[in-house]
C-alpha atoms as a PDB file:
ATOM      1  CA  MET A   1       0.000   0.000   0.000  1.00  0.00           C
ATOM      2  CA  SER A   2       1.443   3.350  -1.032  1.00  0.00           C
ATOM      3  CA  PRO A   3       1.922   6.231   1.446  1.00  0.00           C
ATOM      4  CA  ILE A   4      -0.710   8.283  -0.411  1.00  0.00           C
ATOM      5  CA  THR A   5      -3.272   5.495  -0.067  1.00  0.00           C
ATOM      6  CA  ARG A   6      -2.500   5.092   3.628  1.00  0.00           C
ATOM      7  CA  LYS A   7      -2.859   8.837   4.089  1.00  0.00           C
ATOM      8  CA  ARG A   8      -6.255   8.819   2.357  1.00  0.00           C
ATOM      9  CA  LEU A   9      -7.459   5.868   4.398  1.00  0.00           C
ATOM     10  CA  GLY A  10      -6.316   7.573   7.577  1.00  0.00           C
ATOM     11  CA  ARG A  11      -8.176  10.713   6.602  1.00  0.00           C
ATOM     12  CA  VAL A  12     -11.331   8.716   5.817  1.00  0.00           C
ATOM     13  CA  ALA A  13     -11.094   6.885   9.151  1.00  0.00           C
ATOM     14  CA  LEU A  14     -10.582  10.161  11.001  1.00  0.00           C
ATOM     15  CA  ASN A  15     -13.570  11.771   9.280  1.00  0.00           C
ATOM     16  CA  ALA A  16     -15.710   8.698   9.972  1.00  0.00           C
ATOM     17  CA  ALA A  17     -14.737   8.822  13.653  1.00  0.00           C
ATOM     18  CA  GLY A  18     -15.588  12.514  13.780  1.00  0.00           C
ATOM     19  CA  ILE A  19     -18.987  11.918  12.200  1.00  0.00           C
ATOM     20  CA  ALA A  20     -19.673   9.062  14.638  1.00  0.00           C
ATOM     21  CA  VAL A  21     -18.834  11.267  17.639  1.00  0.00           C
ATOM     22  CA  PHE A  22     -20.992  14.062  16.219  1.00  0.00           C
ATOM     23  CA  LEU A  23     -23.980  11.751  15.741  1.00  0.00           C
ATOM     24  CA  PHE A  24     -23.520  10.263  19.203  1.00  0.00           C
ATOM     25  CA  ALA A  25     -23.558  13.749  20.754  1.00  0.00           C
ATOM     26  CA  VAL A  26     -26.385  15.184  18.651  1.00  0.00           C
ATOM     27  CA  PHE A  27     -28.791  12.226  18.742  1.00  0.00           C
ATOM     28  CA  PRO A  28     -30.132  12.898  22.300  1.00  0.00           C
ATOM     29  CA  VAL A  29     -30.814  16.528  21.342  1.00  0.00           C
ATOM     30  CA  TYR A  30     -32.552  15.442  18.140  1.00  0.00           C
ATOM     31  CA  TRP A  31     -34.669  12.934  20.073  1.00  0.00           C
ATOM     32  CA  MET A  32     -35.594  15.531  22.697  1.00  0.00           C
ATOM     33  CA  VAL A  33     -36.720  18.130  20.152  1.00  0.00           C
ATOM     34  CA  THR A  34     -38.684  15.705  17.969  1.00  0.00           C
ATOM     35  CA  THR A  35     -40.387  14.114  20.979  1.00  0.00           C
ATOM     36  CA  ALA A  36     -41.506  17.548  22.169  1.00  0.00           C
ATOM     37  CA  PHE A  37     -43.586  17.891  18.982  1.00  0.00           C
ATOM     38  CA  LYS A  38     -44.893  14.322  18.782  1.00  0.00           C
ATOM     39  CA  PRO A  39     -48.430  13.334  19.830  1.00  0.00           C
ATOM     40  CA  ASN A  40     -48.667  10.865  22.694  1.00  0.00           C
ATOM     41  CA  ASP A  41     -49.490   7.936  20.416  1.00  0.00           C
ATOM     42  CA  GLN A  42     -46.229   8.491  18.502  1.00  0.00           C
ATOM     43  CA  ILE A  43     -44.175   8.901  21.705  1.00  0.00           C
ATOM     44  CA  PHE A  44     -45.229   5.558  23.175  1.00  0.00           C
ATOM     45  CA  THR A  45     -45.241   3.545  19.959  1.00  0.00           C
ATOM     46  CA  THR A  46     -42.687   0.790  19.444  1.00  0.00           C
ATOM     47  CA  SER A  47     -42.132   1.854  15.832  1.00  0.00           C
ATOM     48  CA  PHE A  48     -39.307   4.224  14.988  1.00  0.00           C
ATOM     49  CA  ILE A  49     -40.721   7.586  13.908  1.00  0.00           C
ATOM     50  CA  PRO A  50     -37.847   9.913  12.949  1.00  0.00           C
ATOM     51  CA  PHE A  51     -40.022  13.044  12.760  1.00  0.00           C
ATOM     52  CA  PRO A  52     -43.454  13.897  14.164  1.00  0.00           C
ATOM     53  CA  ASP A  53     -46.165  13.313  11.575  1.00  0.00           C
ATOM     54  CA  PRO A  54     -47.952  15.623  11.859  1.00  0.00           C
ATOM     55  CA  PRO A  55     -46.145  17.947  14.329  1.00  0.00           C
ATOM     56  CA  SER A  56     -48.136  18.687  17.457  1.00  0.00           C
ATOM     57  CA  MET A  57     -47.885  21.793  19.651  1.00  0.00           C
ATOM     58  CA  ASP A  58     -49.924  20.263  22.492  1.00  0.00           C
ATOM     59  CA  HIS A  59     -47.001  19.643  24.846  1.00  0.00           C
ATOM     60  CA  VAL A  60     -45.389  23.025  24.209  1.00  0.00           C
ATOM     61  CA  SER A  61     -48.632  24.950  24.627  1.00  0.00           C
ATOM     62  CA  ARG A  62     -49.476  22.993  27.786  1.00  0.00           C
ATOM     63  CA  VAL A  63     -46.114  23.878  29.331  1.00  0.00           C
ATOM     64  CA  PHE A  64     -46.721  27.559  28.578  1.00  0.00           C
ATOM     65  CA  THR A  65     -50.380  27.708  29.603  1.00  0.00           C
ATOM     66  CA  GLU A  66     -50.533  25.315  32.552  1.00  0.00           C
ATOM     67  CA  GLY A  67     -47.010  25.917  33.823  1.00  0.00           C
ATOM     68  CA  VAL A  68     -45.227  23.498  36.146  1.00  0.00           C
ATOM     69  CA  ALA A  69     -46.386  22.686  39.691  1.00  0.00           C
ATOM     70  CA  GLY A  70     -48.735  25.673  39.770  1.00  0.00           C
ATOM     71  CA  HIS A  71     -46.123  28.222  38.648  1.00  0.00           C
ATOM     72  CA  SER A  72     -45.384  29.718  35.262  1.00  0.00           C
ATOM     73  CA  VAL A  73     -42.509  28.175  33.367  1.00  0.00           C
ATOM     74  CA  TRP A  74     -41.134  31.690  32.900  1.00  0.00           C
ATOM     75  CA  ARG A  75     -40.650  31.940  36.654  1.00  0.00           C
ATOM     76  CA  TYR A  76     -38.380  28.905  36.694  1.00  0.00           C
ATOM     77  CA  LEU A  77     -36.471  30.217  33.697  1.00  0.00           C
ATOM     78  CA  LEU A  78     -36.068  33.573  35.440  1.00  0.00           C
ATOM     79  CA  ASN A  79     -34.721  31.878  38.572  1.00  0.00           C
ATOM     80  CA  SER A  80     -32.248  29.879  36.497  1.00  0.00           C
ATOM     81  CA  THR A  81     -31.166  33.003  34.627  1.00  0.00           C
ATOM     82  CA  ILE A  82     -30.634  34.978  37.840  1.00  0.00           C
ATOM     83  CA  VAL A  83     -28.604  32.186  39.435  1.00  0.00           C
ATOM     84  CA  ALA A  84     -26.529  31.422  36.325  1.00  0.00           C
ATOM     85  CA  LEU A  85     -25.694  35.014  35.349  1.00  0.00           C
ATOM     86  CA  SER A  86     -24.966  36.055  38.936  1.00  0.00           C
ATOM     87  CA  ALA A  87     -22.686  33.050  39.443  1.00  0.00           C
ATOM     88  CA  VAL A  88     -20.892  33.813  36.173  1.00  0.00           C
ATOM     89  CA  VAL A  89     -20.282  37.476  37.055  1.00  0.00           C
ATOM     90  CA  MET A  90     -19.198  36.820  40.635  1.00  0.00           C
ATOM     91  CA  GLY A  91     -17.093  33.831  39.636  1.00  0.00           C
ATOM     92  CA  ALA A  92     -15.402  35.764  36.832  1.00  0.00           C
ATOM     93  CA  VAL A  93     -14.363  38.564  39.185  1.00  0.00           C
ATOM     94  CA  PHE A  94     -12.982  36.251  41.873  1.00  0.00           C
ATOM     95  CA  ALA A  95     -11.353  33.903  39.362  1.00  0.00           C
ATOM     96  CA  LEU A  96      -9.613  36.722  37.493  1.00  0.00           C
ATOM     97  CA  LEU A  97      -8.234  38.272  40.672  1.00  0.00           C
ATOM     98  CA  ALA A  98      -7.097  34.914  42.053  1.00  0.00           C
ATOM     99  CA  ALA A  99      -5.573  33.824  38.740  1.00  0.00           C
ATOM    100  CA  THR A 100      -3.683  37.116  38.466  1.00  0.00           C
ATOM    101  CA  ALA A 101      -2.312  36.718  41.981  1.00  0.00           C
ATOM    102  CA  VAL A 102      -1.224  33.121  41.345  1.00  0.00           C
ATOM    103  CA  ALA A 103       0.348  33.869  37.958  1.00  0.00           C
ATOM    104  CA  ARG A 104       2.054  37.153  38.773  1.00  0.00           C
ATOM    105  CA  PHE A 105       3.120  36.923  42.424  1.00  0.00           C
ATOM    106  CA  ARG A 106       5.432  34.489  44.175  1.00  0.00           C
ATOM    107  CA  PHE A 107       4.199  33.802  47.689  1.00  0.00           C
ATOM    108  CA  ARG A 108       4.509  31.084  50.280  1.00  0.00           C
ATOM    109  CA  PHE A 109       2.454  27.919  49.700  1.00  0.00           C
ATOM    110  CA  ARG A 110       1.707  29.012  46.134  1.00  0.00           C
ATOM    111  CA  THR A 111       2.284  25.512  44.765  1.00  0.00           C
ATOM    112  CA  SER A 112       0.244  24.013  47.581  1.00  0.00           C
ATOM    113  CA  PHE A 113      -2.605  26.351  46.692  1.00  0.00           C
ATOM    114  CA  LEU A 114      -2.557  25.209  43.053  1.00  0.00           C
ATOM    115  CA  ILE A 115      -2.505  21.555  44.086  1.00  0.00           C
ATOM    116  CA  LEU A 116      -5.400  22.232  46.457  1.00  0.00           C
ATOM    117  CA  LEU A 117      -7.412  23.646  43.553  1.00  0.00           C
ATOM    118  CA  LEU A 118      -6.927  20.402  41.640  1.00  0.00           C
ATOM    119  CA  ILE A 119      -7.874  18.297  44.657  1.00  0.00           C
ATOM    120  CA  VAL A 120     -11.050  20.306  45.234  1.00  0.00           C
ATOM    121  CA  GLN A 121     -11.947  19.939  41.558  1.00  0.00           C
ATOM    122  CA  MET A 122     -11.592  16.149  41.781  1.00  0.00           C
ATOM    123  CA  VAL A 123     -13.890  15.838  44.805  1.00  0.00           C
ATOM    124  CA  PRO A 124     -17.471  14.898  43.737  1.00  0.00           C
ATOM    125  CA  SER A 125     -19.844  17.753  44.462  1.00  0.00           C
ATOM    126  CA  GLU A 126     -22.274  15.325  46.109  1.00  0.00           C
ATOM    127  CA  ALA A 127     -19.643  14.625  48.780  1.00  0.00           C
ATOM    128  CA  LEU A 128     -19.771  18.319  49.735  1.00  0.00           C
ATOM    129  CA  LEU A 129     -23.564  18.442  49.906  1.00  0.00           C
ATOM    130  CA  ILE A 130     -24.003  17.983  53.670  1.00  0.00           C
ATOM    131  CA  PRO A 131     -21.235  20.400  54.830  1.00  0.00           C
ATOM    132  CA  LEU A 132     -22.301  23.048  52.310  1.00  0.00           C
ATOM    133  CA  PHE A 133     -25.944  22.637  53.330  1.00  0.00           C
ATOM    134  CA  THR A 134     -24.962  23.134  56.990  1.00  0.00           C
ATOM    135  CA  MET A 135     -22.927  26.216  56.109  1.00  0.00           C
ATOM    136  CA  VAL A 136     -25.756  27.759  54.072  1.00  0.00           C
ATOM    137  CA  LYS A 137     -28.222  27.005  56.883  1.00  0.00           C
ATOM    138  CA  ARG A 138     -26.052  28.725  59.498  1.00  0.00           C
ATOM    139  CA  LEU A 139     -25.534  31.764  57.288  1.00  0.00           C
ATOM    140  CA  GLY A 140     -29.295  32.175  56.921  1.00  0.00           C
ATOM    141  CA  LEU A 141     -29.163  31.658  53.147  1.00  0.00           C
ATOM    142  CA  TYR A 142     -31.323  28.546  52.995  1.00  0.00           C
ATOM    143  CA  ASP A 143     -34.265  28.812  50.589  1.00  0.00           C
ATOM    144  CA  GLN A 144     -32.698  31.872  48.968  1.00  0.00           C
ATOM    145  CA  LEU A 145     -31.304  32.244  45.487  1.00  0.00           C
ATOM    146  CA  LEU A 146     -28.293  34.064  46.944  1.00  0.00           C
ATOM    147  CA  GLY A 147     -27.252  30.928  48.799  1.00  0.00           C
ATOM    148  CA  LEU A 148     -27.511  28.888  45.601  1.00  0.00           C
ATOM    149  CA  ILE A 149     -25.470  31.516  43.748  1.00  0.00           C
ATOM    150  CA  VAL A 150     -22.693  31.404  46.365  1.00  0.00           C
ATOM    151  CA  ILE A 151     -22.542  27.604  46.224  1.00  0.00           C
ATOM    152  CA  ASN A 152     -22.326  27.569  42.426  1.00  0.00           C
ATOM    153  CA  VAL A 153     -19.538  30.145  42.522  1.00  0.00           C
ATOM    154  CA  ALA A 154     -17.652  27.938  44.967  1.00  0.00           C
ATOM    155  CA  LEU A 155     -18.163  24.848  42.783  1.00  0.00           C
ATOM    156  CA  THR A 156     -16.947  26.466  39.542  1.00  0.00           C
ATOM    157  CA  LEU A 157     -14.205  28.677  40.998  1.00  0.00           C
ATOM    158  CA  PRO A 158     -11.370  26.088  41.232  1.00  0.00           C
ATOM    159  CA  PHE A 159     -11.544  25.196  37.526  1.00  0.00           C
ATOM    160  CA  SER A 160     -11.944  28.858  36.530  1.00  0.00           C
ATOM    161  CA  VAL A 161      -8.895  29.940  38.539  1.00  0.00           C
ATOM    162  CA  TRP A 162      -6.764  27.105  37.177  1.00  0.00           C
ATOM    163  CA  MET A 163      -7.787  27.816  33.575  1.00  0.00           C
ATOM    164  CA  LEU A 164      -7.457  31.607  33.818  1.00  0.00           C
ATOM    165  CA  ARG A 165      -4.013  31.258  35.384  1.00  0.00           C
ATOM    166  CA  THR A 166      -2.779  29.941  32.014  1.00  0.00           C
ATOM    167  CA  PHE A 167      -4.177  32.961  30.165  1.00  0.00           C
ATOM    168  CA  VAL A 168      -2.681  35.452  32.617  1.00  0.00           C
ATOM    169  CA  ALA A 169       0.703  33.727  32.497  1.00  0.00           C
ATOM    170  CA  ALA A 170       0.620  33.917  28.670  1.00  0.00           C
ATOM    171  CA  VAL A 171       0.547  37.726  28.787  1.00  0.00           C
ATOM    172  CA  PRO A 172       4.133  39.061  28.717  1.00  0.00           C
ATOM    173  CA  LYS A 173       4.980  40.801  31.965  1.00  0.00           C
ATOM    174  CA  GLU A 174       6.990  43.365  29.991  1.00  0.00           C
ATOM    175  CA  LEU A 175       3.702  44.939  28.835  1.00  0.00           C
ATOM    176  CA  GLU A 176       2.747  45.697  32.424  1.00  0.00           C
ATOM    177  CA  GLU A 177       6.226  46.991  33.232  1.00  0.00           C
ATOM    178  CA  ALA A 178       6.079  49.310  30.212  1.00  0.00           C
ATOM    179  CA  SER A 179       2.770  50.633  31.464  1.00  0.00           C
ATOM    180  CA  TRP A 180       4.277  51.311  34.888  1.00  0.00           C
ATOM    181  CA  ILE A 181       7.159  53.199  33.291  1.00  0.00           C
ATOM    182  CA  ASP A 182       4.638  55.382  31.449  1.00  0.00           C
ATOM    183  CA  GLY A 183       3.161  56.354  34.819  1.00  0.00           C
ATOM    184  CA  ALA A 184       0.120  54.073  34.996  1.00  0.00           C
ATOM    185  CA  GLY A 185      -0.896  52.682  38.390  1.00  0.00           C
ATOM    186  CA  ARG A 186      -1.507  49.028  39.164  1.00  0.00           C
ATOM    187  CA  PHE A 187      -5.267  49.295  38.715  1.00  0.00           C
ATOM    188  CA  THR A 188      -4.932  51.158  35.413  1.00  0.00           C
ATOM    189  CA  THR A 189      -2.435  48.585  34.168  1.00  0.00           C
ATOM    190  CA  PHE A 190      -4.722  45.760  35.215  1.00  0.00           C
ATOM    191  CA  TRP A 191      -7.773  47.289  33.540  1.00  0.00           C
ATOM    192  CA  ARG A 192      -6.174  48.745  30.387  1.00  0.00           C
ATOM    193  CA  VAL A 193      -3.429  46.206  29.656  1.00  0.00           C
ATOM    194  CA  LEU A 194      -4.037  42.853  31.322  1.00  0.00           C
ATOM    195  CA  PHE A 195      -7.825  42.631  31.216  1.00  0.00           C
ATOM    196  CA  PRO A 196      -8.282  43.102  27.414  1.00  0.00           C
ATOM    197  CA  LEU A 197      -5.694  40.398  26.723  1.00  0.00           C
ATOM    198  CA  VAL A 198      -7.239  37.961  29.212  1.00  0.00           C
ATOM    199  CA  ALA A 199     -10.846  38.702  28.188  1.00  0.00           C
ATOM    200  CA  PRO A 200     -11.090  35.804  25.649  1.00  0.00           C
ATOM    201  CA  GLY A 201     -10.026  33.356  28.353  1.00  0.00           C
ATOM    202  CA  LEU A 202     -12.512  34.925  30.735  1.00  0.00           C
ATOM    203  CA  VAL A 203     -15.262  34.308  28.185  1.00  0.00           C
ATOM    204  CA  ALA A 204     -14.236  30.658  27.843  1.00  0.00           C
ATOM    205  CA  THR A 205     -14.342  30.080  31.601  1.00  0.00           C
ATOM    206  CA  SER A 206     -17.637  31.980  31.828  1.00  0.00           C
ATOM    207  CA  ILE A 207     -19.211  29.572  29.337  1.00  0.00           C
ATOM    208  CA  PHE A 208     -18.137  26.650  31.507  1.00  0.00           C
ATOM    209  CA  SER A 209     -19.540  28.337  34.623  1.00  0.00           C
ATOM    210  CA  PHE A 210     -22.802  29.255  32.897  1.00  0.00           C
ATOM    211  CA  ILE A 211     -23.496  25.763  31.559  1.00  0.00           C
ATOM    212  CA  THR A 212     -22.501  24.107  34.846  1.00  0.00           C
ATOM    213  CA  THR A 213     -24.715  26.409  36.905  1.00  0.00           C
ATOM    214  CA  TRP A 214     -27.622  26.291  34.443  1.00  0.00           C
ATOM    215  CA  ASN A 215     -27.757  22.482  34.538  1.00  0.00           C
ATOM    216  CA  GLU A 216     -27.075  22.068  38.282  1.00  0.00           C
ATOM    217  CA  PHE A 217     -29.756  19.987  39.999  1.00  0.00           C
ATOM    218  CA  VAL A 218     -28.666  18.486  43.331  1.00  0.00           C
ATOM    219  CA  PHE A 219     -27.824  21.689  45.211  1.00  0.00           C
ATOM    220  CA  ALA A 220     -30.789  23.554  43.702  1.00  0.00           C
ATOM    221  CA  LEU A 221     -33.104  20.825  44.978  1.00  0.00           C
ATOM    222  CA  THR A 222     -31.459  20.644  48.421  1.00  0.00           C
ATOM    223  CA  LEU A 223     -30.925  24.325  49.211  1.00  0.00           C
ATOM    224  CA  ILE A 224     -34.290  25.613  47.940  1.00  0.00           C
ATOM    225  CA  GLY A 225     -37.525  24.651  49.698  1.00  0.00           C
ATOM    226  CA  ASP A 226     -39.971  27.083  48.110  1.00  0.00           C
ATOM    227  CA  GLN A 227     -41.250  25.695  44.807  1.00  0.00           C
ATOM    228  CA  GLY A 228     -41.551  29.205  43.420  1.00  0.00           C
ATOM    229  CA  LYS A 229     -37.761  29.605  43.758  1.00  0.00           C
ATOM    230  CA  TYR A 230     -36.850  26.377  41.995  1.00  0.00           C
ATOM    231  CA  THR A 231     -34.617  26.523  38.951  1.00  0.00           C
ATOM    232  CA  MET A 232     -35.609  24.907  35.665  1.00  0.00           C
ATOM    233  CA  PRO A 233     -33.765  21.574  36.162  1.00  0.00           C
ATOM    234  CA  VAL A 234     -35.579  21.053  39.474  1.00  0.00           C
ATOM    235  CA  ALA A 235     -38.929  21.987  37.926  1.00  0.00           C
ATOM    236  CA  LEU A 236     -38.573  19.170  35.395  1.00  0.00           C
ATOM    237  CA  GLN A 237     -39.007  16.585  38.163  1.00  0.00           C
ATOM    238  CA  PHE A 238     -42.684  17.528  38.517  1.00  0.00           C
ATOM    239  CA  PHE A 239     -43.386  15.870  35.167  1.00  0.00           C
ATOM    240  CA  VAL A 240     -42.487  12.528  36.761  1.00  0.00           C
ATOM    241  CA  GLY A 241     -45.360  10.982  38.733  1.00  0.00           C
ATOM    242  CA  GLN A 242     -45.636   7.874  40.869  1.00  0.00           C
ATOM    243  CA  ARG A 243     -47.419   5.882  38.177  1.00  0.00           C
ATOM    244  CA  SER A 244     -46.655   7.695  34.940  1.00  0.00           C
ATOM    245  CA  THR A 245     -44.237  10.131  33.349  1.00  0.00           C
ATOM    246  CA  ASP A 246     -45.245  13.005  31.109  1.00  0.00           C
ATOM    247  CA  TRP A 247     -42.522  12.507  28.509  1.00  0.00           C
ATOM    248  CA  GLY A 248     -44.012  15.062  26.151  1.00  0.00           C
ATOM    249  CA  GLY A 249     -43.991  17.739  28.849  1.00  0.00           C
ATOM    250  CA  ILE A 250     -40.440  16.849  29.912  1.00  0.00           C
ATOM    251  CA  MET A 251     -39.129  17.068  26.359  1.00  0.00           C
ATOM    252  CA  ALA A 252     -40.985  20.326  25.657  1.00  0.00           C
ATOM    253  CA  ALA A 253     -39.694  21.967  28.852  1.00  0.00           C
ATOM    254  CA  SER A 254     -36.189  20.607  28.238  1.00  0.00           C
ATOM    255  CA  THR A 255     -36.190  22.035  24.712  1.00  0.00           C
ATOM    256  CA  LEU A 256     -37.265  25.396  26.110  1.00  0.00           C
ATOM    257  CA  MET A 257     -34.526  25.147  28.740  1.00  0.00           C
ATOM    258  CA  THR A 258     -31.892  24.513  26.060  1.00  0.00           C
ATOM    259  CA  ILE A 259     -32.666  27.651  24.051  1.00  0.00           C
ATOM    260  CA  PRO A 260     -31.017  30.204  26.440  1.00  0.00           C
ATOM    261  CA  VAL A 261     -27.826  28.117  26.586  1.00  0.00           C
ATOM    262  CA  LEU A 262     -27.765  27.869  22.794  1.00  0.00           C
ATOM    263  CA  ILE A 263     -28.252  31.631  22.415  1.00  0.00           C
ATOM    264  CA  PHE A 264     -25.531  32.347  24.987  1.00  0.00           C
ATOM    265  CA  PHE A 265     -23.120  30.015  23.208  1.00  0.00           C
ATOM    266  CA  LEU A 266     -23.835  31.499  19.767  1.00  0.00           C
ATOM    267  CA  LEU A 267     -23.187  35.001  21.077  1.00  0.00           C
ATOM    268  CA  VAL A 268     -19.781  34.185  22.535  1.00  0.00           C
ATOM    269  CA  GLN A 269     -18.540  31.264  20.412  1.00  0.00           C
ATOM    270  CA  ARG A 270     -15.956  33.363  18.552  1.00  0.00           C
ATOM    271  CA  ARG A 271     -14.576  34.692  21.805  1.00  0.00           C
ATOM    272  CA  MET A 272     -14.452  31.174  23.219  1.00  0.00           C
ATOM    273  CA  VAL A 273     -12.453  29.761  20.289  1.00  0.00           C
ATOM    274  CA  SER A 274      -9.970  32.625  20.316  1.00  0.00           C
ATOM    275  CA  GLY A 275      -9.677  32.321  24.090  1.00  0.00           C
ATOM    276  CA  LEU A 276      -8.886  28.617  23.999  1.00  0.00           C
ATOM    277  CA  VAL A 277      -6.282  29.145  21.261  1.00  0.00           C
ATOM    278  CA  ALA A 278      -4.747  32.133  23.050  1.00  0.00           C
ATOM    279  CA  GLY A 279      -4.320  30.125  26.215  1.00  0.00           C
ATOM    280  CA  ALA A 280      -2.167  27.620  24.370  1.00  0.00           C
ATOM    281  CA  VAL A 281       0.335  30.185  23.104  1.00  0.00           C
ATOM    282  CA  LYS A 282       2.729  32.042  25.314  1.00  0.00           C
ATOM    283  CA  GLY A 283       4.581  35.189  24.400  1.00  0.00           C
END
């Protein structure tokens, strides 16, 4: 077999593997969206129906008109939006400051701090449920969205700090020193020089924080007792009954829940790609 033939076969195999991974990742989304517009008889049939025939808006309209557990679906979406955006903003501020300190300053136990971030990231969040619940209870933040926001910031902060540290370290320190020589203070240098160069990385970490917080279920269910303050993932459980499951309602609400994440990703996808590439290049 000639080298050209082997190269073509390798390219075909690589493309086939990429297509297989793409189909594996997209199929659940396709099934969710199509099921949301299928009548009940097509949802529970044993025959494979690739697309609803004809499409039905019953499940979608029922989610909008009847709501979930006596509350409007928009209320759950609003709670999720408040928690996710607040966690992203707060986490971005703390992560940027911490990453700058770790990347720019040499202090005692700096290496231990970085190792601790990795250890915390490896610990399953469910293992922290009881101590975090006790802490939130003592602080008087139980059954409040603020408590859920603080917990989500704490859960996403280790990864954000570790990732942003790479972006900050990739910025040449000579740029900051040149700014100091020109008479700029530390805050001006941070805001005018460092922040614009680290912004793509900040967008990339913000996407991770947003998706993680938006889809979080366990802490939202544990730390919130009032049904009116539930986030959207927790509200989906009300479609599951003791004897039956409203699959059409679940798929319709899940499709609605996916739209804000999709819009957020489309708005910042260019920044995310440039941020990930910038973090891999130093100098």
